[in-house]
Amino acid sequence: EGKQSLLAKQLDALQQHLGAPAADAEEVDQPLAEYARNFYLTILLCVFVSVGMVGSALFSPMGFYSNSMQVICYAWPVCWTALFGLIFGTLDSSEAGRRAIQVLRVHASCQIITEFLAFWSVKRYEEAVLQIFAQGVNAVCYP
């Protein structure tokens, strides 16, 4: 028993030295400000993808088949990865977690319009209408 209590004391001292919470400490809800940089970066990426998609669909002569749209199509999954990373990264904060889900819903709702325009611009009408339903499911069911 003496060795175990000595070991426990040493472990607590090491955790305090490293800045880790003690084993008996209760969890603290992290403030939203702790995640501000992550939110700004994710929102910036989502805006870049959405604006780039609309810009390529409306102002590029080749629309969906343009080089700019291909770059956006490569950035699109990175945007969703950042969104889900933000959601899973903010699980320890109730306020930041709710805000992350709101950001996901707003982006998914914007994708209903941007995906529709991207496919409509190259006269792929069936796929454009399908994107309304597919992205609508994303906006409703994911969060």
Protein backbone atom coordinates (compact mmCIF):
# COMPACT_ATOMS: atom_id res chain seq x y z
CA GLU A 1 0.00 0.00 0.00
CA GLY A 2 2.82 2.39 0.77
CA LYS A 3 4.30 1.92 -2.69
CA GLN A 4 0.90 2.49 -4.34
CA SER A 5 0.27 5.74 -2.47
CA LEU A 6 3.81 6.92 -3.26
CA LEU A 7 3.25 6.04 -6.91
CA ALA A 8 -0.11 7.86 -6.92
CA LYS A 9 1.53 10.97 -5.41
CA GLN A 10 4.28 10.87 -8.01
CA LEU A 11 1.72 10.49 -10.78
CA ASP A 12 -0.28 13.49 -9.48
CA ALA A 13 2.91 15.55 -9.24
CA LEU A 14 3.84 14.61 -12.82
CA GLN A 15 0.36 15.49 -14.08
CA GLN A 16 0.51 18.87 -12.34
CA HIS A 17 3.95 19.47 -13.83
CA LEU A 18 2.68 18.67 -17.33
CA GLY A 19 -0.49 20.70 -16.86
CA ALA A 20 -2.85 17.75 -17.15
CA PRO A 21 -5.93 17.71 -14.92
CA ALA A 22 -5.84 15.50 -11.89
CA ALA A 23 -7.71 12.20 -11.98
CA ASP A 24 -10.32 13.39 -9.49
CA ALA A 25 -10.87 16.80 -11.13
CA GLU A 26 -14.26 17.35 -12.70
CA GLU A 27 -14.53 18.20 -16.38
CA VAL A 28 -14.77 21.87 -17.25
CA ASP A 29 -16.83 23.19 -20.14
CA GLN A 30 -14.45 24.98 -22.49
CA PRO A 31 -15.47 28.50 -23.56
CA LEU A 32 -16.32 29.26 -27.16
CA ALA A 33 -13.34 31.62 -27.46
CA GLU A 34 -10.99 28.63 -27.20
CA TYR A 35 -12.20 27.46 -30.61
CA ALA A 36 -12.42 30.82 -32.40
CA ARG A 37 -9.47 30.19 -34.72
CA ASN A 38 -10.85 26.79 -35.74
CA PHE A 39 -14.25 28.32 -36.46
CA TYR A 40 -12.75 31.13 -38.54
CA LEU A 41 -10.65 28.75 -40.62
CA THR A 42 -13.51 26.32 -41.22
CA ILE A 43 -15.97 29.09 -42.11
CA LEU A 44 -13.41 30.65 -44.46
CA LEU A 45 -12.93 27.30 -46.20
CA CYS A 46 -16.71 26.81 -46.53
CA VAL A 47 -17.16 30.30 -47.96
CA PHE A 48 -14.30 29.71 -50.41
CA VAL A 49 -15.87 26.49 -51.65
CA SER A 50 -19.38 27.93 -51.94
CA VAL A 51 -18.33 31.17 -53.65
CA GLY A 52 -15.93 29.33 -55.93
CA MET A 53 -18.62 26.88 -56.94
CA VAL A 54 -21.15 29.60 -57.74
CA GLY A 55 -18.52 31.71 -59.50
CA SER A 56 -17.37 28.81 -61.66
CA ALA A 57 -20.93 27.80 -62.47
CA LEU A 58 -22.07 31.29 -63.45
CA PHE A 59 -19.00 33.01 -64.87
CA SER A 60 -16.87 30.27 -66.42
CA PRO A 61 -17.72 29.37 -70.02
CA MET A 62 -17.20 25.67 -69.30
CA GLY A 63 -19.08 25.73 -66.00
CA PHE A 64 -18.75 22.45 -64.15
CA TYR A 65 -15.98 21.29 -66.48
CA SER A 66 -13.70 24.32 -65.93
CA ASN A 67 -10.35 24.13 -64.19
CA SER A 68 -11.54 26.39 -61.40
CA MET A 69 -14.48 24.07 -60.68
CA GLN A 70 -12.12 21.10 -60.59
CA VAL A 71 -10.06 22.86 -57.91
CA ILE A 72 -13.26 23.53 -55.97
CA CYS A 73 -14.30 19.88 -56.34
CA TYR A 74 -11.00 18.87 -54.73
CA ALA A 75 -11.53 21.36 -51.90
CA TRP A 76 -15.16 20.30 -51.30
CA PRO A 77 -14.36 17.09 -49.32
CA VAL A 78 -11.69 18.97 -47.36
CA CYS A 79 -14.42 21.41 -46.34
CA TRP A 80 -16.66 18.61 -45.07
CA THR A 81 -13.71 17.04 -43.27
CA ALA A 82 -12.99 20.36 -41.56
CA LEU A 83 -16.65 20.68 -40.58
CA PHE A 84 -16.79 17.23 -38.99
CA GLY A 85 -13.39 17.79 -37.40
CA LEU A 86 -14.77 20.99 -35.88
CA ILE A 87 -17.83 19.17 -34.56
CA PHE A 88 -15.84 16.32 -33.03
CA GLY A 89 -13.22 18.75 -31.73
CA THR A 90 -15.82 20.80 -29.86
CA LEU A 91 -17.46 17.93 -28.03
CA ASP A 92 -16.09 19.19 -24.71
CA SER A 93 -17.91 22.53 -25.01
CA SER A 94 -21.67 22.72 -25.14
CA GLU A 95 -21.74 26.22 -26.63
CA ALA A 96 -19.00 25.58 -29.19
CA GLY A 97 -20.57 22.23 -30.12
CA ARG A 98 -23.93 23.85 -30.82
CA ARG A 99 -22.23 26.56 -32.87
CA ALA A 100 -20.30 23.96 -34.88
CA ILE A 101 -23.52 22.16 -35.76
CA GLN A 102 -25.05 25.48 -36.81
CA VAL A 103 -22.09 26.11 -39.11
CA LEU A 104 -22.57 22.66 -40.65
CA ARG A 105 -26.29 23.28 -41.20
CA VAL A 106 -25.66 26.65 -42.85
CA HIS A 107 -23.02 25.20 -45.15
CA ALA A 108 -25.17 22.21 -46.06
CA SER A 109 -28.10 24.55 -46.78
CA CYS A 110 -25.90 26.68 -49.05
CA GLN A 111 -24.81 23.53 -50.86
CA ILE A 112 -28.41 22.95 -51.95
CA ILE A 113 -28.14 26.05 -54.13
CA THR A 114 -24.49 25.83 -55.15
CA GLU A 115 -24.59 22.19 -56.23
CA PHE A 116 -27.80 22.82 -58.15
CA LEU A 117 -26.19 25.73 -60.01
CA ALA A 118 -23.04 23.74 -60.75
CA PHE A 119 -24.93 20.95 -62.48
CA TRP A 120 -27.54 23.20 -64.10
CA SER A 121 -24.79 25.31 -65.72
CA VAL A 122 -23.67 22.36 -67.87
CA LYS A 123 -27.20 21.27 -68.72
CA ARG A 124 -27.17 18.20 -66.48
CA TYR A 125 -30.71 18.95 -65.35
CA GLU A 126 -31.56 15.57 -63.83
CA GLU A 127 -28.46 15.64 -61.65
CA ALA A 128 -29.16 19.25 -60.71
CA VAL A 129 -32.61 18.33 -59.41
CA LEU A 130 -31.14 15.28 -57.68
CA GLN A 131 -28.67 17.55 -55.90
CA ILE A 132 -31.55 19.50 -54.35
CA PHE A 133 -32.72 16.34 -52.64
CA ALA A 134 -29.24 14.96 -51.86
CA GLN A 135 -27.94 18.18 -50.34
CA GLY A 136 -31.29 18.69 -48.60
CA VAL A 137 -30.77 15.36 -46.87
CA ASN A 138 -27.30 16.55 -45.86
CA ALA A 139 -28.77 19.74 -44.40
CA VAL A 140 -31.48 17.93 -42.45
CA CYS A 141 -30.01 14.58 -41.45
CA TYR A 142 -26.30 15.15 -40.81
CA PRO A 143 -26.57 17.58 -37.92
